[in-house]
PDB file of all heavy atoms in Angstrom:
ATOM      1  N   PHE A   1       0.790  -1.207  -0.074  1.00  0.00           N
ATOM      2  CA  PHE A   1      -0.003  -0.016  -0.031  1.00  0.00           C
ATOM      3  C   PHE A   1       1.003   1.213  -0.031  1.00  0.00           C
ATOM      4  O   PHE A   1       0.234   2.360  -0.165  1.00  0.00           O
ATOM      5  CB  PHE A   1      -0.975   0.047   1.273  1.00  0.00           C
ATOM      6  CG  PHE A   1      -1.810  -1.205   1.267  1.00  0.00           C
ATOM      7  CD1 PHE A   1      -1.605  -2.081   2.279  1.00  0.00           C
ATOM      8  CD2 PHE A   1      -2.940  -1.364   0.431  1.00  0.00           C
ATOM      9  CE1 PHE A   1      -2.438  -3.307   2.350  1.00  0.00           C
ATOM     10  CE2 PHE A   1      -3.687  -2.488   0.473  1.00  0.00           C
ATOM     11  CZ  PHE A   1      -3.441  -3.497   1.523  1.00  0.00           C
ATOM     12  N   GLY A   2       2.092   1.211   0.271  1.00  0.00           N
ATOM     13  CA  GLY A   2       2.921   2.391   0.280  1.00  0.00           C
ATOM     14  C   GLY A   2       2.633   3.294   1.380  1.00  0.00           C
ATOM     15  O   GLY A   2       2.231   4.572   1.116  1.00  0.00           O
ATOM     16  N   LEU A   3       2.526   2.823   2.653  1.00  0.00           N
ATOM     17  CA  LEU A   3       1.982   3.588   3.839  1.00  0.00           C
ATOM     18  C   LEU A   3       2.847   4.848   4.039  1.00  0.00           C
ATOM     19  O   LEU A   3       2.245   5.935   4.256  1.00  0.00           O
ATOM     20  CB  LEU A   3       1.956   2.789   4.927  1.00  0.00           C
ATOM     21  CG  LEU A   3       0.997   1.519   4.830  1.00  0.00           C
ATOM     22  CD1 LEU A   3       1.112   0.595   6.305  1.00  0.00           C
ATOM     23  CD2 LEU A   3      -0.338   1.859   4.569  1.00  0.00           C
ATOM     24  N   VAL A   4       4.129   4.805   3.947  1.00  0.00           N
ATOM     25  CA  VAL A   4       5.006   5.866   4.172  1.00  0.00           C
ATOM     26  C   VAL A   4       5.652   6.326   2.854  1.00  0.00           C
ATOM     27  O   VAL A   4       6.364   5.716   2.145  1.00  0.00           O
ATOM     28  CB  VAL A   4       6.271   5.512   5.213  1.00  0.00           C
ATOM     29  CG1 VAL A   4       7.155   6.595   5.439  1.00  0.00           C
ATOM     30  CG2 VAL A   4       5.693   4.886   6.428  1.00  0.00           C
ATOM     31  N   SER A   5       5.245   7.583   2.521  1.00  0.00           N
ATOM     32  CA  SER A   5       5.787   8.203   1.397  1.00  0.00           C
ATOM     33  C   SER A   5       6.983   8.885   1.436  1.00  0.00           C
ATOM     34  O   SER A   5       7.382   9.312   2.524  1.00  0.00           O
ATOM     35  CB  SER A   5       4.607   9.257   0.787  1.00  0.00           C
ATOM     36  OG  SER A   5       5.145   9.833  -0.296  1.00  0.00           O
ATOM     37  N   LEU A   6       7.778   8.848   0.263  1.00  0.00           N
ATOM     38  CA  LEU A   6       8.958   9.685   0.264  1.00  0.00           C
ATOM     39  C   LEU A   6       8.880  11.254   0.398  1.00  0.00           C
ATOM     40  O   LEU A   6       9.695  11.883   0.914  1.00  0.00           O
ATOM     41  CB  LEU A   6       9.804   9.374  -0.913  1.00  0.00           C
ATOM     42  CG  LEU A   6      10.408   7.924  -1.135  1.00  0.00           C
ATOM     43  CD1 LEU A   6      10.896   7.806  -2.561  1.00  0.00           C
ATOM     44  CD2 LEU A   6      11.602   7.812  -0.106  1.00  0.00           C
ATOM     45  N   GLY A   7       7.701  11.668   0.021  1.00  0.00           N
ATOM     46  CA  GLY A   7       7.395  13.113   0.078  1.00  0.00           C
ATOM     47  C   GLY A   7       8.118  14.070  -1.064  1.00  0.00           C
ATOM     48  O   GLY A   7       8.305  15.096  -0.942  1.00  0.00           O
ATOM     49  N   ILE A   8       8.509  13.173  -2.132  1.00  0.00           N
ATOM     50  CA  ILE A   8       9.262  13.940  -3.207  1.00  0.00           C
ATOM     51  C   ILE A   8       8.405  13.794  -4.475  1.00  0.00           C
ATOM     52  O   ILE A   8       8.195  12.580  -4.953  1.00  0.00           O
ATOM     53  CB  ILE A   8      10.598  13.315  -3.476  1.00  0.00           C
ATOM     54  CG1 ILE A   8      11.371  13.493  -2.086  1.00  0.00           C
ATOM     55  CG2 ILE A   8      11.324  14.062  -4.553  1.00  0.00           C
ATOM     56  CD1 ILE A   8      12.797  12.941  -2.225  1.00  0.00           C
ATOM     57  N   SER A   9       7.698  14.786  -5.029  1.00  0.00           N
ATOM     58  CA  SER A   9       6.918  14.582  -6.167  1.00  0.00           C
ATOM     59  C   SER A   9       7.472  14.065  -7.480  1.00  0.00           C
ATOM     60  O   SER A   9       6.887  13.380  -8.159  1.00  0.00           O
ATOM     61  CB  SER A   9       6.201  15.975  -6.455  1.00  0.00           C
ATOM     62  OG  SER A   9       7.261  16.957  -6.759  1.00  0.00           O
ATOM     63  N   SER A  10       8.818  14.307  -7.517  1.00  0.00           N
ATOM     64  CA  SER A  10       9.612  13.969  -8.808  1.00  0.00           C
ATOM     65  C   SER A  10      10.299  12.743  -8.569  1.00  0.00           C
ATOM     66  O   SER A  10      11.085  12.444  -9.488  1.00  0.00           O
ATOM     67  CB  SER A  10      10.399  15.131  -9.232  1.00  0.00           C
ATOM     68  OG  SER A  10      11.397  15.284  -8.218  1.00  0.00           O
ATOM     69  N   ALA A  11      10.044  11.992  -7.542  1.00  0.00           N
ATOM     70  CA  ALA A  11      10.890  10.848  -7.232  1.00  0.00           C
ATOM     71  C   ALA A  11      10.332   9.648  -8.195  1.00  0.00           C
ATOM     72  O   ALA A  11       9.301   9.645  -8.611  1.00  0.00           O
ATOM     73  CB  ALA A  11      10.697  10.385  -5.782  1.00  0.00           C
ATOM     74  N   VAL A  12      11.341   8.690  -8.349  1.00  0.00           N
ATOM     75  CA  VAL A  12      11.032   7.577  -9.323  1.00  0.00           C
ATOM     76  C   VAL A  12      10.100   6.554  -8.722  1.00  0.00           C
ATOM     77  O   VAL A  12       9.143   6.152  -9.310  1.00  0.00           O
ATOM     78  CB  VAL A  12      12.452   6.812  -9.606  1.00  0.00           C
ATOM     79  CG1 VAL A  12      12.022   5.539 -10.466  1.00  0.00           C
ATOM     80  CG2 VAL A  12      13.289   7.661 -10.292  1.00  0.00           C
ATOM     81  N   VAL A  13      10.025   6.470  -7.261  1.00  0.00           N
ATOM     82  CA  VAL A  13       9.054   5.673  -6.598  1.00  0.00           C
ATOM     83  C   VAL A  13       8.330   6.700  -5.632  1.00  0.00           C
ATOM     84  O   VAL A  13       8.960   7.562  -5.109  1.00  0.00           O
ATOM     85  CB  VAL A  13       9.671   4.544  -5.838  1.00  0.00           C
ATOM     86  CG1 VAL A  13      10.232   3.579  -6.816  1.00  0.00           C
ATOM     87  CG2 VAL A  13      10.825   5.034  -4.938  1.00  0.00           C
ATOM     88  N   ASP A  14       7.144   6.357  -5.355  1.00  0.00           N
ATOM     89  CA  ASP A  14       6.333   7.235  -4.424  1.00  0.00           C
ATOM     90  C   ASP A  14       6.614   7.048  -3.106  1.00  0.00           C
ATOM     91  O   ASP A  14       6.643   7.891  -2.157  1.00  0.00           O
ATOM     92  CB  ASP A  14       4.826   6.945  -4.760  1.00  0.00           C
ATOM     93  CG  ASP A  14       4.473   7.389  -6.244  1.00  0.00           C
ATOM     94  OD1 ASP A  14       4.995   8.388  -6.675  1.00  0.00           O
ATOM     95  OD2 ASP A  14       3.461   6.915  -6.767  1.00  0.00           O
ATOM     96  N   ALA A  15       6.759   5.704  -2.632  1.00  0.00           N
ATOM     97  CA  ALA A  15       6.929   5.370  -1.139  1.00  0.00           C
ATOM     98  C   ALA A  15       8.230   4.704  -0.990  1.00  0.00           C
ATOM     99  O   ALA A  15       8.982   4.178  -1.935  1.00  0.00           O
ATOM    100  CB  ALA A  15       5.817   4.353  -0.809  1.00  0.00           C
ATOM    101  N   TYR A  16       8.649   4.566   0.312  1.00  0.00           N
ATOM    102  CA  TYR A  16       9.899   3.858   0.539  1.00  0.00           C
ATOM    103  C   TYR A  16       9.832   2.406   0.086  1.00  0.00           C
ATOM    104  O   TYR A  16       9.097   1.669   0.421  1.00  0.00           O
ATOM    105  CB  TYR A  16      10.139   3.843   2.094  1.00  0.00           C
ATOM    106  CG  TYR A  16      10.738   5.186   2.637  1.00  0.00           C
ATOM    107  CD1 TYR A  16       9.926   6.181   3.131  1.00  0.00           C
ATOM    108  CD2 TYR A  16      12.081   5.465   2.569  1.00  0.00           C
ATOM    109  CE1 TYR A  16      10.445   7.343   3.655  1.00  0.00           C
ATOM    110  CE2 TYR A  16      12.674   6.624   3.100  1.00  0.00           C
ATOM    111  CZ  TYR A  16      11.734   7.514   3.627  1.00  0.00           C
ATOM    112  OH  TYR A  16      12.345   8.736   4.096  1.00  0.00           O
ATOM    113  N   PRO A  17      10.927   2.071  -0.655  1.00  0.00           N
ATOM    114  CA  PRO A  17      11.070   0.731  -1.134  1.00  0.00           C
ATOM    115  C   PRO A  17      11.352  -0.299  -0.023  1.00  0.00           C
ATOM    116  O   PRO A  17      12.284   0.168   0.808  1.00  0.00           O
ATOM    117  CB  PRO A  17      11.965   0.715  -2.260  1.00  0.00           C
ATOM    118  CG  PRO A  17      12.873   1.838  -1.977  1.00  0.00           C
ATOM    119  CD  PRO A  17      11.987   2.854  -1.115  1.00  0.00           C
ATOM    120  N   VAL A  18      10.864  -1.498  -0.031  1.00  0.00           N
ATOM    121  CA  VAL A  18      11.193  -2.379   1.000  1.00  0.00           C
ATOM    122  C   VAL A  18      11.353  -3.747   0.269  1.00  0.00           C
ATOM    123  O   VAL A  18      10.646  -4.024  -0.749  1.00  0.00           O
ATOM    124  CB  VAL A  18      10.100  -2.563   2.100  1.00  0.00           C
ATOM    125  CG1 VAL A  18      10.206  -1.211   2.989  1.00  0.00           C
ATOM    126  CG2 VAL A  18       8.744  -2.824   1.504  1.00  0.00           C
ATOM    127  N   ARG A  19      12.219  -4.563   0.990  1.00  0.00           N
ATOM    128  CA  ARG A  19      12.191  -6.018   0.474  1.00  0.00           C
ATOM    129  C   ARG A  19      12.636  -6.901   1.615  1.00  0.00           C
ATOM    130  O   ARG A  19      13.498  -6.509   2.479  1.00  0.00           O
ATOM    131  CB  ARG A  19      13.281  -6.260  -0.636  1.00  0.00           C
ATOM    132  CG  ARG A  19      13.567  -7.651  -1.115  1.00  0.00           C
ATOM    133  CD  ARG A  19      14.417  -7.642  -2.261  1.00  0.00           C
ATOM    134  NE  ARG A  19      15.802  -7.206  -2.073  1.00  0.00           N
ATOM    135  CZ  ARG A  19      16.771  -7.886  -1.617  1.00  0.00           C
ATOM    136  NH1 ARG A  19      16.595  -9.261  -1.545  1.00  0.00           N
ATOM    137  NH2 ARG A  19      17.991  -7.482  -1.522  1.00  0.00           N
ATOM    138  N   ILE A  20      11.870  -8.049   1.853  1.00  0.00           N
ATOM    139  CA  ILE A  20      12.176  -8.943   2.948  1.00  0.00           C
ATOM    140  C   ILE A  20      13.099  -9.969   2.505  1.00  0.00           C
ATOM    141  O   ILE A  20      13.073 -10.600   1.486  1.00  0.00           O
ATOM    142  CB  ILE A  20      10.863  -9.694   3.284  1.00  0.00           C
ATOM    143  CG1 ILE A  20       9.920  -8.551   3.928  1.00  0.00           C
ATOM    144  CG2 ILE A  20      11.064 -10.653   4.395  1.00  0.00           C
ATOM    145  CD1 ILE A  20       8.567  -9.120   4.198  1.00  0.00           C
ATOM    146  N   VAL A  21      14.205 -10.110   3.238  1.00  0.00           N
ATOM    147  CA  VAL A  21      15.229 -11.115   3.157  1.00  0.00           C
ATOM    148  C   VAL A  21      15.331 -12.045   4.323  1.00  0.00           C
ATOM    149  O   VAL A  21      15.288 -11.580   5.503  1.00  0.00           O
ATOM    150  CB  VAL A  21      16.652 -10.487   2.981  1.00  0.00           C
ATOM    151  CG1 VAL A  21      17.761 -11.523   2.731  1.00  0.00           C
ATOM    152  CG2 VAL A  21      16.678  -9.572   1.754  1.00  0.00           C
ATOM    153  N   MET A  22      15.205 -13.313   4.084  1.00  0.00           N
ATOM    154  CA  MET A  22      15.004 -14.335   5.189  1.00  0.00           C
ATOM    155  C   MET A  22      16.315 -14.339   5.977  1.00  0.00           C
ATOM    156  O   MET A  22      16.247 -14.665   7.269  1.00  0.00           O
ATOM    157  CB  MET A  22      14.740 -15.646   4.617  1.00  0.00           C
ATOM    158  CG  MET A  22      13.313 -15.699   4.105  1.00  0.00           C
ATOM    159  SD  MET A  22      11.958 -15.112   4.999  1.00  0.00           S
ATOM    160  CE  MET A  22      12.055 -16.091   6.416  1.00  0.00           C
ATOM    161  N   THR A  23      17.379 -14.069   5.459  1.00  0.00           N
ATOM    162  CA  THR A  23      18.763 -14.075   6.230  1.00  0.00           C
ATOM    163  C   THR A  23      18.736 -12.914   7.293  1.00  0.00           C
ATOM    164  O   THR A  23      19.295 -13.142   8.422  1.00  0.00           O
ATOM    165  CB  THR A  23      19.927 -13.939   5.275  1.00  0.00           C
ATOM    166  OG1 THR A  23      19.746 -12.788   4.463  1.00  0.00           O
ATOM    167  CG2 THR A  23      20.069 -15.166   4.473  1.00  0.00           C
ATOM    168  N   ASP A  24      17.989 -11.892   7.070  1.00  0.00           N
ATOM    169  CA  ASP A  24      17.863 -10.769   7.974  1.00  0.00           C
ATOM    170  C   ASP A  24      17.075 -11.416   9.190  1.00  0.00           C
ATOM    171  O   ASP A  24      17.498 -11.020  10.381  1.00  0.00           O
ATOM    172  CB  ASP A  24      17.160  -9.582   7.390  1.00  0.00           C
ATOM    173  CG  ASP A  24      18.023  -8.844   6.376  1.00  0.00           C
ATOM    174  OD1 ASP A  24      19.357  -9.156   6.392  1.00  0.00           O
ATOM    175  OD2 ASP A  24      17.449  -8.053   5.587  1.00  0.00           O
ATOM    176  N   PHE A  25      16.189 -12.062   8.981  1.00  0.00           N
ATOM    177  CA  PHE A  25      15.294 -12.606  10.105  1.00  0.00           C
ATOM    178  C   PHE A  25      16.230 -13.654  10.966  1.00  0.00           C
ATOM    179  O   PHE A  25      16.060 -13.635  12.154  1.00  0.00           O
ATOM    180  CB  PHE A  25      14.113 -13.518   9.589  1.00  0.00           C
ATOM    181  CG  PHE A  25      13.047 -12.524   9.135  1.00  0.00           C
ATOM    182  CD1 PHE A  25      13.098 -11.648   8.120  1.00  0.00           C
ATOM    183  CD2 PHE A  25      11.777 -12.629   9.802  1.00  0.00           C
ATOM    184  CE1 PHE A  25      12.061 -10.873   7.695  1.00  0.00           C
ATOM    185  CE2 PHE A  25      10.631 -11.827   9.510  1.00  0.00           C
ATOM    186  CZ  PHE A  25      10.820 -10.957   8.467  1.00  0.00           C
ATOM    187  N   ILE A  26      17.052 -14.302  10.315  1.00  0.00           N
ATOM    188  CA  ILE A  26      17.929 -15.276  10.928  1.00  0.00           C
ATOM    189  C   ILE A  26      18.954 -14.401  11.796  1.00  0.00           C
ATOM    190  O   ILE A  26      19.079 -14.884  12.929  1.00  0.00           O
ATOM    191  CB  ILE A  26      18.688 -16.166   9.948  1.00  0.00           C
ATOM    192  CG1 ILE A  26      17.700 -17.054   9.299  1.00  0.00           C
ATOM    193  CG2 ILE A  26      19.786 -16.966  10.698  1.00  0.00           C
ATOM    194  CD1 ILE A  26      18.357 -17.965   8.094  1.00  0.00           C
ATOM    195  N   TRP A  27      19.474 -13.443  11.349  1.00  0.00           N
ATOM    196  CA  TRP A  27      20.578 -12.633  12.085  1.00  0.00           C
ATOM    197  C   TRP A  27      19.788 -11.917  13.171  1.00  0.00           C
ATOM    198  O   TRP A  27      20.304 -11.838  14.327  1.00  0.00           O
ATOM    199  CB  TRP A  27      21.140 -11.625  11.101  1.00  0.00           C
ATOM    200  CG  TRP A  27      22.227 -12.208  10.214  1.00  0.00           C
ATOM    201  CD1 TRP A  27      22.197 -12.304   8.870  1.00  0.00           C
ATOM    202  CD2 TRP A  27      23.496 -12.790  10.755  1.00  0.00           C
ATOM    203  NE1 TRP A  27      23.449 -13.005   8.497  1.00  0.00           N
ATOM    204  CE2 TRP A  27      24.220 -13.234   9.632  1.00  0.00           C
ATOM    205  CE3 TRP A  27      24.082 -12.899  12.023  1.00  0.00           C
ATOM    206  CZ2 TRP A  27      25.509 -13.847   9.689  1.00  0.00           C
ATOM    207  CZ3 TRP A  27      25.360 -13.468  12.040  1.00  0.00           C
ATOM    208  CH2 TRP A  27      25.938 -13.844  10.919  1.00  0.00           C
ATOM    209  N   ILE A  28      18.582 -11.398  12.960  1.00  0.00           N
ATOM    210  CA  ILE A  28      17.803 -10.731  14.058  1.00  0.00           C
ATOM    211  C   ILE A  28      17.636 -11.754  15.176  1.00  0.00           C
ATOM    212  O   ILE A  28      17.691 -11.497  16.260  1.00  0.00           O
ATOM    213  CB  ILE A  28      16.525 -10.194  13.415  1.00  0.00           C
ATOM    214  CG1 ILE A  28      16.973  -9.065  12.601  1.00  0.00           C
ATOM    215  CG2 ILE A  28      15.711  -9.578  14.607  1.00  0.00           C
ATOM    216  CD1 ILE A  28      15.725  -8.390  11.776  1.00  0.00           C
ATOM    217  N   SER A  29      17.119 -12.920  14.802  1.00  0.00           N
ATOM    218  CA  SER A  29      16.969 -13.887  15.898  1.00  0.00           C
ATOM    219  C   SER A  29      18.119 -14.260  16.592  1.00  0.00           C
ATOM    220  O   SER A  29      18.142 -14.494  17.918  1.00  0.00           O
ATOM    221  CB  SER A  29      16.256 -15.214  15.221  1.00  0.00           C
ATOM    222  OG  SER A  29      15.281 -14.979  14.434  1.00  0.00           O
ATOM    223  N   VAL A  30      19.115 -14.391  15.929  1.00  0.00           N
ATOM    224  CA  VAL A  30      20.468 -14.747  16.671  1.00  0.00           C
ATOM    225  C   VAL A  30      20.925 -13.677  17.493  1.00  0.00           C
ATOM    226  O   VAL A  30      21.300 -13.967  18.662  1.00  0.00           O
ATOM    227  CB  VAL A  30      21.608 -15.004  15.606  1.00  0.00           C
ATOM    228  CG1 VAL A  30      23.054 -14.972  16.197  1.00  0.00           C
ATOM    229  CG2 VAL A  30      21.414 -16.204  14.723  1.00  0.00           C
ATOM    230  N   ALA A  31      20.745 -12.237  17.092  1.00  0.00           N
ATOM    231  CA  ALA A  31      21.075 -11.157  17.955  1.00  0.00           C
ATOM    232  C   ALA A  31      20.197 -11.199  19.146  1.00  0.00           C
ATOM    233  O   ALA A  31      20.671 -11.042  20.416  1.00  0.00           O
ATOM    234  CB  ALA A  31      20.864  -9.973  17.246  1.00  0.00           C
ATOM    235  N   VAL A  32      18.799 -11.552  18.998  1.00  0.00           N
ATOM    236  CA  VAL A  32      17.895 -11.454  20.224  1.00  0.00           C
ATOM    237  C   VAL A  32      18.288 -12.590  21.193  1.00  0.00           C
ATOM    238  O   VAL A  32      18.364 -12.407  22.434  1.00  0.00           O
ATOM    239  CB  VAL A  32      16.552 -11.716  19.725  1.00  0.00           C
ATOM    240  CG1 VAL A  32      15.622 -11.834  20.950  1.00  0.00           C
ATOM    241  CG2 VAL A  32      16.103 -10.429  18.984  1.00  0.00           C
ATOM    242  N   VAL A  33      18.534 -13.878  20.646  1.00  0.00           N
ATOM    243  CA  VAL A  33      18.960 -14.918  21.502  1.00  0.00           C
ATOM    244  C   VAL A  33      20.226 -14.622  22.203  1.00  0.00           C
ATOM    245  O   VAL A  33      20.411 -14.965  23.493  1.00  0.00           O
ATOM    246  CB  VAL A  33      19.128 -16.223  20.728  1.00  0.00           C
ATOM    247  CG1 VAL A  33      19.772 -17.350  21.485  1.00  0.00           C
ATOM    248  CG2 VAL A  33      17.722 -16.635  20.249  1.00  0.00           C
ATOM    249  N   SER A  34      21.168 -14.080  21.624  1.00  0.00           N
ATOM    250  CA  SER A  34      22.548 -13.790  22.296  1.00  0.00           C
ATOM    251  C   SER A  34      22.321 -12.801  23.388  1.00  0.00           C
ATOM    252  O   SER A  34      22.911 -12.936  24.382  1.00  0.00           O
ATOM    253  CB  SER A  34      23.577 -13.273  21.131  1.00  0.00           C
ATOM    254  OG  SER A  34      23.679 -14.231  20.154  1.00  0.00           O
ATOM    255  N   ILE A  35      21.591 -11.710  23.078  1.00  0.00           N
ATOM    256  CA  ILE A  35      21.378 -10.707  24.054  1.00  0.00           C
ATOM    257  C   ILE A  35      20.631 -11.304  25.153  1.00  0.00           C
ATOM    258  O   ILE A  35      20.990 -10.894  26.422  1.00  0.00           O
ATOM    259  CB  ILE A  35      20.551  -9.539  23.454  1.00  0.00           C
ATOM    260  CG1 ILE A  35      21.511  -8.748  22.439  1.00  0.00           C
ATOM    261  CG2 ILE A  35      20.124  -8.575  24.488  1.00  0.00           C
ATOM    262  CD1 ILE A  35      20.696  -7.785  21.606  1.00  0.00           C
ATOM    263  N   THR A  36      19.757 -12.213  25.053  1.00  0.00           N
ATOM    264  CA  THR A  36      18.919 -12.669  25.989  1.00  0.00           C
ATOM    265  C   THR A  36      19.808 -13.593  27.005  1.00  0.00           C
ATOM    266  O   THR A  36      19.677 -13.520  28.289  1.00  0.00           O
ATOM    267  CB  THR A  36      17.775 -13.566  25.527  1.00  0.00           C
ATOM    268  OG1 THR A  36      16.877 -12.797  24.619  1.00  0.00           O
ATOM    269  CG2 THR A  36      16.838 -14.164  26.595  1.00  0.00           C
ATOM    270  N   LEU A  37      20.538 -14.472  26.435  1.00  0.00           N
ATOM    271  CA  LEU A  37      21.512 -15.200  27.192  1.00  0.00           C
ATOM    272  C   LEU A  37      22.407 -14.440  28.022  1.00  0.00           C
ATOM    273  O   LEU A  37      22.691 -14.710  29.225  1.00  0.00           O
ATOM    274  CB  LEU A  37      22.210 -16.102  26.266  1.00  0.00           C
ATOM    275  CG  LEU A  37      21.486 -17.284  25.521  1.00  0.00           C
ATOM    276  CD1 LEU A  37      22.411 -18.010  24.625  1.00  0.00           C
ATOM    277  CD2 LEU A  37      20.899 -18.286  26.606  1.00  0.00           C
ATOM    278  N   LEU A  38      22.890 -13.327  27.440  1.00  0.00           N
ATOM    279  CA  LEU A  38      23.845 -12.478  28.228  1.00  0.00           C
ATOM    280  C   LEU A  38      23.046 -11.746  29.389  1.00  0.00           C
ATOM    281  O   LEU A  38      23.676 -11.679  30.422  1.00  0.00           O
ATOM    282  CB  LEU A  38      24.454 -11.383  27.423  1.00  0.00           C
ATOM    283  CG  LEU A  38      25.485 -11.821  26.313  1.00  0.00           C
ATOM    284  CD1 LEU A  38      26.020 -10.756  25.361  1.00  0.00           C
ATOM    285  CD2 LEU A  38      26.733 -12.463  27.103  1.00  0.00           C
ATOM    286  N   ALA A  39      21.855 -11.336  29.217  1.00  0.00           N
ATOM    287  CA  ALA A  39      20.997 -10.688  30.216  1.00  0.00           C
ATOM    288  C   ALA A  39      20.562 -11.691  31.290  1.00  0.00           C
ATOM    289  O   ALA A  39      20.338 -11.340  32.511  1.00  0.00           O
ATOM    290  CB  ALA A  39      19.847 -10.019  29.677  1.00  0.00           C
ATOM    291  N   SER A  40      20.282 -12.898  30.946  1.00  0.00           N
ATOM    292  CA  SER A  40      19.909 -13.901  31.884  1.00  0.00           C
ATOM    293  C   SER A  40      21.039 -14.658  32.620  1.00  0.00           C
ATOM    294  O   SER A  40      20.680 -15.208  33.634  1.00  0.00           O
ATOM    295  CB  SER A  40      19.040 -14.971  31.030  1.00  0.00           C
ATOM    296  OG  SER A  40      17.990 -14.356  30.370  1.00  0.00           O
TER     297      SER A  40
END
């Protein structure tokens, strides 16, 4: 839906482009688990 717009009328795209990469989810999960173990 392009919820957040770039706010530039002459921009090539109207809204912020996004793309989901599964490896990012893996790294985020690893970071959360590591931080939790250190905190616990």
